[in-house]
Amino acid sequence: MTRRAELAAYRRLTEDPAFLAPLAYADVDPAGITGLFVPGGHAPRMRTLLEDATAQQLFARAFTQGLPVGAVCHGVLLAARAQDPATGRSVLHGRRTTALTTLLELTGWNLTRLWLGRYYRTYRATVQQEVTAALADPRHFLAGPPLPVRDTAARPGRGFTVTDGNYVSARWPGDCHRLAADYLALVRARSAGAVDRPV
């Protein structure tokens, strides 16, 4: 379902020398992080990121230092699992967020399970269930419109994102043009010294 232009951009990315030489999470210098973005994904390969304690710590550090952080789809699980060392709670506790909704996840699974099996069911609980459990108030999970429409570069407003301070999240790939613009706005605000946590 990926559009040709986006698929071509992905292919160019996979040929980049930096992409071909990734670092292990343990080899990342936390002091060198100026922003952090967690992509989404499904199935067992995504678990290596979401369940990694070092990746969770890196996210928590960036988040609590006020650096621009973002996540989409299953990537929001890393944010939900990242603990603030000062409180022992998820860094999302007290924040607003979105993520892959139960409706989107179960619809994708039901439409594809005959040939993809559990691909769209990475965990027994849905992403929305786990993320909501990490929040201070279930109402801090914002699901967006029930019938999502894919955004485009020309029409990013079709996408749905939630920004709370230095953090921006989105539900699925159909929100990613708007998500990219909103994340870039956080990066620019940080560069200008203007990222503050709203009251």
C-alpha atoms as a PDB file:
ATOM      1  CA  MET A   1       0.000   0.000   0.000  1.00  0.00           C
ATOM      2  CA  THR A   2       3.024   2.298   0.044  1.00  0.00           C
ATOM      3  CA  ARG A   3       2.880   4.975  -2.638  1.00  0.00           C
ATOM      4  CA  ARG A   4       5.560   4.995  -5.340  1.00  0.00           C
ATOM      5  CA  ALA A   5       7.174   8.294  -4.329  1.00  0.00           C
ATOM      6  CA  GLU A   6       7.468   7.236  -0.688  1.00  0.00           C
ATOM      7  CA  LEU A   7       8.764   3.797  -1.697  1.00  0.00           C
ATOM      8  CA  ALA A   8      11.403   5.423  -3.908  1.00  0.00           C
ATOM      9  CA  ALA A   9      12.445   7.687  -1.013  1.00  0.00           C
ATOM     10  CA  TYR A  10      12.720   4.635   1.235  1.00  0.00           C
ATOM     11  CA  ARG A  11      14.895   2.837  -1.315  1.00  0.00           C
ATOM     12  CA  ARG A  12      17.223   5.862  -1.450  1.00  0.00           C
ATOM     13  CA  LEU A  13      17.393   5.839   2.354  1.00  0.00           C
ATOM     14  CA  THR A  14      18.363   2.152   2.418  1.00  0.00           C
ATOM     15  CA  GLU A  15      21.329   2.924   0.144  1.00  0.00           C
ATOM     16  CA  ASP A  16      22.709   5.659   2.425  1.00  0.00           C
ATOM     17  CA  PRO A  17      26.010   4.681   4.116  1.00  0.00           C
ATOM     18  CA  ALA A  18      24.662   5.740   7.548  1.00  0.00           C
ATOM     19  CA  PHE A  19      21.639   3.477   7.098  1.00  0.00           C
ATOM     20  CA  LEU A  20      23.894   0.581   6.124  1.00  0.00           C
ATOM     21  CA  ALA A  21      26.047   0.988   9.266  1.00  0.00           C
ATOM     22  CA  PRO A  22      23.622   1.251  12.208  1.00  0.00           C
ATOM     23  CA  LEU A  23      24.813   1.507  15.801  1.00  0.00           C
ATOM     24  CA  ALA A  24      23.746  -0.842  18.554  1.00  0.00           C
ATOM     25  CA  TYR A  25      21.657   0.993  21.133  1.00  0.00           C
ATOM     26  CA  ALA A  26      24.436   0.459  23.676  1.00  0.00           C
ATOM     27  CA  ASP A  27      26.908   2.239  21.375  1.00  0.00           C
ATOM     28  CA  VAL A  28      24.853   5.429  21.107  1.00  0.00           C
ATOM     29  CA  ASP A  29      26.367   8.389  22.968  1.00  0.00           C
ATOM     30  CA  PRO A  30      23.397   9.902  24.840  1.00  0.00           C
ATOM     31  CA  ALA A  31      25.164  13.272  24.970  1.00  0.00           C
ATOM     32  CA  GLY A  32      25.191  13.360  21.170  1.00  0.00           C
ATOM     33  CA  ILE A  33      21.422  13.067  20.810  1.00  0.00           C
ATOM     34  CA  THR A  34      19.761  16.310  19.742  1.00  0.00           C
ATOM     35  CA  GLY A  35      16.359  14.815  18.964  1.00  0.00           C
ATOM     36  CA  LEU A  36      14.798  11.388  18.747  1.00  0.00           C
ATOM     37  CA  PHE A  37      12.113   9.941  16.502  1.00  0.00           C
ATOM     38  CA  VAL A  38      10.677   6.416  16.792  1.00  0.00           C
ATOM     39  CA  PRO A  39       9.103   4.942  13.658  1.00  0.00           C
ATOM     40  CA  GLY A  40       6.322   2.436  13.776  1.00  0.00           C
ATOM     41  CA  GLY A  41       6.228  -1.105  12.519  1.00  0.00           C
ATOM     42  CA  HIS A  42       4.714  -4.490  13.220  1.00  0.00           C
ATOM     43  CA  ALA A  43       5.612  -8.077  13.949  1.00  0.00           C
ATOM     44  CA  PRO A  44       8.575  -9.624  15.786  1.00  0.00           C
ATOM     45  CA  ARG A  45      11.264  -7.345  14.328  1.00  0.00           C
ATOM     46  CA  MET A  46       9.702  -4.310  16.004  1.00  0.00           C
ATOM     47  CA  ARG A  47      10.008  -6.015  19.388  1.00  0.00           C
ATOM     48  CA  THR A  48      13.801  -5.729  19.335  1.00  0.00           C
ATOM     49  CA  LEU A  49      13.378  -1.956  19.629  1.00  0.00           C
ATOM     50  CA  LEU A  50      10.331  -1.762  21.877  1.00  0.00           C
ATOM     51  CA  GLU A  51      11.611  -4.248  24.454  1.00  0.00           C
ATOM     52  CA  ASP A  52      15.209  -3.019  24.620  1.00  0.00           C
ATOM     53  CA  ALA A  53      16.009  -1.436  27.995  1.00  0.00           C
ATOM     54  CA  THR A  54      18.775   0.748  26.522  1.00  0.00           C
ATOM     55  CA  ALA A  55      16.467   2.097  23.811  1.00  0.00           C
ATOM     56  CA  GLN A  56      13.882   2.874  26.491  1.00  0.00           C
ATOM     57  CA  GLN A  57      16.514   4.720  28.552  1.00  0.00           C
ATOM     58  CA  LEU A  58      17.691   6.714  25.534  1.00  0.00           C
ATOM     59  CA  PHE A  59      14.116   7.763  24.818  1.00  0.00           C
ATOM     60  CA  ALA A  60      13.488   8.690  28.454  1.00  0.00           C
ATOM     61  CA  ARG A  61      16.660  10.784  28.567  1.00  0.00           C
ATOM     62  CA  ALA A  62      15.805  12.699  25.394  1.00  0.00           C
ATOM     63  CA  PHE A  63      12.209  13.169  26.518  1.00  0.00           C
ATOM     64  CA  THR A  64      12.994  14.433  30.013  1.00  0.00           C
ATOM     65  CA  GLN A  65      15.739  16.753  28.714  1.00  0.00           C
ATOM     66  CA  GLY A  66      13.181  18.532  26.568  1.00  0.00           C
ATOM     67  CA  LEU A  67      14.696  17.454  23.257  1.00  0.00           C
ATOM     68  CA  PRO A  68      12.331  17.115  20.293  1.00  0.00           C
ATOM     69  CA  VAL A  69      10.884  13.592  20.430  1.00  0.00           C
ATOM     70  CA  GLY A  70       8.315  11.936  18.235  1.00  0.00           C
ATOM     71  CA  ALA A  71       6.738   8.563  17.614  1.00  0.00           C
ATOM     72  CA  VAL A  72       4.176   6.978  15.330  1.00  0.00           C
ATOM     73  CA  CYS A  73       2.094   3.811  15.414  1.00  0.00           C
ATOM     74  CA  HIS A  74       3.820   1.054  17.443  1.00  0.00           C
ATOM     75  CA  GLY A  75       6.728   3.429  18.100  1.00  0.00           C
ATOM     76  CA  VAL A  76       4.629   5.109  20.798  1.00  0.00           C
ATOM     77  CA  LEU A  77       5.009   1.898  22.818  1.00  0.00           C
ATOM     78  CA  LEU A  78       8.681   2.777  23.333  1.00  0.00           C
ATOM     79  CA  ALA A  79       7.585   6.107  24.821  1.00  0.00           C
ATOM     80  CA  ALA A  80       5.013   4.371  27.032  1.00  0.00           C
ATOM     81  CA  ARG A  81       7.654   1.920  28.277  1.00  0.00           C
ATOM     82  CA  ALA A  82      10.345   4.565  28.835  1.00  0.00           C
ATOM     83  CA  GLN A  83      10.477   5.436  32.528  1.00  0.00           C
ATOM     84  CA  ASP A  84      11.218   8.857  33.930  1.00  0.00           C
ATOM     85  CA  PRO A  85      14.038   8.171  36.435  1.00  0.00           C
ATOM     86  CA  ALA A  86      12.682  10.877  38.752  1.00  0.00           C
ATOM     87  CA  THR A  87       9.222   9.303  39.092  1.00  0.00           C
ATOM     88  CA  GLY A  88       9.571   5.678  37.987  1.00  0.00           C
ATOM     89  CA  ARG A  89       6.518   6.220  35.771  1.00  0.00           C
ATOM     90  CA  SER A  90       6.240   6.324  32.009  1.00  0.00           C
ATOM     91  CA  VAL A  91       7.470   9.580  30.507  1.00  0.00           C
ATOM     92  CA  LEU A  92       3.971   9.814  28.997  1.00  0.00           C
ATOM     93  CA  HIS A  93       2.365   9.957  32.448  1.00  0.00           C
ATOM     94  CA  GLY A  94       0.754  13.405  32.540  1.00  0.00           C
ATOM     95  CA  ARG A  95       1.093  13.950  28.787  1.00  0.00           C
ATOM     96  CA  ARG A  96      -1.350  13.710  25.896  1.00  0.00           C
ATOM     97  CA  THR A  97      -0.635  11.304  23.037  1.00  0.00           C
ATOM     98  CA  THR A  98      -2.017   9.257  20.233  1.00  0.00           C
ATOM     99  CA  ALA A  99      -0.784   5.985  18.751  1.00  0.00           C
ATOM    100  CA  LEU A 100      -2.069   3.171  16.589  1.00  0.00           C
ATOM    101  CA  THR A 101      -5.695   2.949  17.674  1.00  0.00           C
ATOM    102  CA  THR A 102      -7.407  -0.316  18.534  1.00  0.00           C
ATOM    103  CA  LEU A 103      -9.788   0.261  15.632  1.00  0.00           C
ATOM    104  CA  LEU A 104      -6.951   0.655  13.111  1.00  0.00           C
ATOM    105  CA  GLU A 105      -4.928  -2.228  14.528  1.00  0.00           C
ATOM    106  CA  LEU A 106      -7.768  -4.748  14.654  1.00  0.00           C
ATOM    107  CA  THR A 107      -9.116  -3.676  11.262  1.00  0.00           C
ATOM    108  CA  GLY A 108      -5.690  -4.172   9.674  1.00  0.00           C
ATOM    109  CA  TRP A 109      -5.339  -7.556  11.359  1.00  0.00           C
ATOM    110  CA  ASN A 110      -8.807  -8.791  10.411  1.00  0.00           C
ATOM    111  CA  LEU A 111      -8.375  -7.738   6.781  1.00  0.00           C
ATOM    112  CA  THR A 112      -4.989  -9.455   6.389  1.00  0.00           C
ATOM    113  CA  ARG A 113      -4.739 -12.306   8.889  1.00  0.00           C
ATOM    114  CA  LEU A 114      -5.565 -15.046   6.373  1.00  0.00           C
ATOM    115  CA  TRP A 115      -2.293 -14.414   4.534  1.00  0.00           C
ATOM    116  CA  LEU A 116      -0.212 -12.368   7.006  1.00  0.00           C
ATOM    117  CA  GLY A 117      -1.138 -14.224  10.190  1.00  0.00           C
ATOM    118  CA  ARG A 118      -0.353 -12.191  13.321  1.00  0.00           C
ATOM    119  CA  TYR A 119       1.659  -9.521  11.479  1.00  0.00           C
ATOM    120  CA  TYR A 120      -0.673  -6.755  12.631  1.00  0.00           C
ATOM    121  CA  ARG A 121      -0.884  -8.174  16.177  1.00  0.00           C
ATOM    122  CA  THR A 122       2.577  -7.609  17.601  1.00  0.00           C
ATOM    123  CA  TYR A 123       1.309  -8.075  21.166  1.00  0.00           C
ATOM    124  CA  ARG A 124      -1.793  -9.558  22.765  1.00  0.00           C
ATOM    125  CA  ALA A 125      -2.891  -6.130  24.070  1.00  0.00           C
ATOM    126  CA  THR A 126      -3.445  -3.487  21.428  1.00  0.00           C
ATOM    127  CA  VAL A 127      -1.127  -0.504  21.222  1.00  0.00           C
ATOM    128  CA  GLN A 128      -3.902   1.803  22.402  1.00  0.00           C
ATOM    129  CA  GLN A 129      -4.571  -0.379  25.454  1.00  0.00           C
ATOM    130  CA  GLU A 130      -0.921  -0.436  26.564  1.00  0.00           C
ATOM    131  CA  VAL A 131      -0.292   3.242  25.900  1.00  0.00           C
ATOM    132  CA  THR A 132      -3.490   4.292  27.682  1.00  0.00           C
ATOM    133  CA  ALA A 133      -2.500   2.217  30.722  1.00  0.00           C
ATOM    134  CA  ALA A 134       0.731   4.274  31.008  1.00  0.00           C
ATOM    135  CA  LEU A 135      -1.095   7.631  31.059  1.00  0.00           C
ATOM    136  CA  ALA A 136      -2.203   9.607  34.101  1.00  0.00           C
ATOM    137  CA  ASP A 137      -5.736   9.784  32.689  1.00  0.00           C
ATOM    138  CA  PRO A 138      -7.246   7.604  29.923  1.00  0.00           C
ATOM    139  CA  ARG A 139      -8.656  10.790  28.391  1.00  0.00           C
ATOM    140  CA  HIS A 140      -5.075  11.821  27.584  1.00  0.00           C
ATOM    141  CA  PHE A 141      -5.157   9.268  24.731  1.00  0.00           C
ATOM    142  CA  LEU A 142      -6.596  11.052  21.706  1.00  0.00           C
ATOM    143  CA  ALA A 143      -7.809   8.675  18.988  1.00  0.00           C
ATOM    144  CA  GLY A 144      -8.588  11.262  16.328  1.00  0.00           C
ATOM    145  CA  PRO A 145     -11.292  10.843  13.705  1.00  0.00           C
ATOM    146  CA  PRO A 146     -12.724   7.293  13.593  1.00  0.00           C
ATOM    147  CA  LEU A 147     -12.371   7.122   9.798  1.00  0.00           C
ATOM    148  CA  PRO A 148      -8.795   8.200   9.071  1.00  0.00           C
ATOM    149  CA  VAL A 149      -7.878   9.652   5.691  1.00  0.00           C
ATOM    150  CA  ARG A 150      -4.323   9.444   4.374  1.00  0.00           C
ATOM    151  CA  ASP A 151      -2.578  12.784   4.288  1.00  0.00           C
ATOM    152  CA  THR A 152      -0.300  13.896   1.458  1.00  0.00           C
ATOM    153  CA  ALA A 153       2.559  16.334   1.077  1.00  0.00           C
ATOM    154  CA  ALA A 154       0.080  18.749  -0.501  1.00  0.00           C
ATOM    155  CA  ARG A 155      -2.602  18.087   2.130  1.00  0.00           C
ATOM    156  CA  PRO A 156      -0.884  17.343   5.455  1.00  0.00           C
ATOM    157  CA  GLY A 157      -3.909  18.661   7.345  1.00  0.00           C
ATOM    158  CA  ARG A 158      -5.707  15.387   6.641  1.00  0.00           C
ATOM    159  CA  GLY A 159      -3.346  13.695   9.079  1.00  0.00           C
ATOM    160  CA  PHE A 160      -3.869  13.575  12.833  1.00  0.00           C
ATOM    161  CA  THR A 161      -1.135  14.279  15.369  1.00  0.00           C
ATOM    162  CA  VAL A 162      -0.932  15.211  19.022  1.00  0.00           C
ATOM    163  CA  THR A 163       1.745  17.616  20.235  1.00  0.00           C
ATOM    164  CA  ASP A 164       2.388  18.064  23.949  1.00  0.00           C
ATOM    165  CA  GLY A 165       5.443  20.159  24.776  1.00  0.00           C
ATOM    166  CA  ASN A 166       8.524  18.631  23.164  1.00  0.00           C
ATOM    167  CA  TYR A 167       6.648  15.488  22.083  1.00  0.00           C
ATOM    168  CA  VAL A 168       4.597  14.751  18.960  1.00  0.00           C
ATOM    169  CA  SER A 169       2.804  11.506  18.106  1.00  0.00           C
ATOM    170  CA  ALA A 170       0.707  10.083  15.282  1.00  0.00           C
ATOM    171  CA  ARG A 171      -1.467   7.019  14.712  1.00  0.00           C
ATOM    172  CA  TRP A 172      -0.375   5.393  11.450  1.00  0.00           C
ATOM    173  CA  PRO A 173       1.548   5.998   8.201  1.00  0.00           C
ATOM    174  CA  GLY A 174      -1.415   7.962   6.825  1.00  0.00           C
ATOM    175  CA  ASP A 175      -0.585  10.741   9.322  1.00  0.00           C
ATOM    176  CA  CYS A 176       3.119  10.973   8.509  1.00  0.00           C
ATOM    177  CA  HIS A 177       3.204  14.051   6.267  1.00  0.00           C
ATOM    178  CA  ARG A 178       1.633  16.087   9.049  1.00  0.00           C
ATOM    179  CA  LEU A 179       3.801  14.316  11.623  1.00  0.00           C
ATOM    180  CA  ALA A 180       6.959  15.229   9.712  1.00  0.00           C
ATOM    181  CA  ALA A 181       5.900  18.893   9.573  1.00  0.00           C
ATOM    182  CA  ASP A 182       5.017  18.936  13.281  1.00  0.00           C
ATOM    183  CA  TYR A 183       8.283  17.232  14.271  1.00  0.00           C
ATOM    184  CA  LEU A 184      10.252  19.701  12.144  1.00  0.00           C
ATOM    185  CA  ALA A 185       8.441  22.526  13.955  1.00  0.00           C
ATOM    186  CA  LEU A 186       9.640  21.069  17.291  1.00  0.00           C
ATOM    187  CA  VAL A 187      13.213  20.870  15.994  1.00  0.00           C
ATOM    188  CA  ARG A 188      13.072  24.485  14.805  1.00  0.00           C
ATOM    189  CA  ALA A 189      11.534  25.632  18.084  1.00  0.00           C
ATOM    190  CA  ARG A 190      14.301  23.841  19.992  1.00  0.00           C
ATOM    191  CA  SER A 191      16.931  25.507  17.797  1.00  0.00           C
ATOM    192  CA  ALA A 192      15.333  28.861  18.587  1.00  0.00           C
ATOM    193  CA  GLY A 193      15.154  27.992  22.303  1.00  0.00           C
ATOM    194  CA  ALA A 194      11.365  28.066  22.340  1.00  0.00           C
ATOM    195  CA  VAL A 195      10.270  24.544  23.334  1.00  0.00           C
ATOM    196  CA  ASP A 196       8.379  24.788  26.584  1.00  0.00           C
ATOM    197  CA  ARG A 197       6.091  22.343  28.363  1.00  0.00           C
ATOM    198  CA  PRO A 198       2.530  23.742  28.250  1.00  0.00           C
ATOM    199  CA  VAL A 199       0.741  24.219  31.572  1.00  0.00           C
END
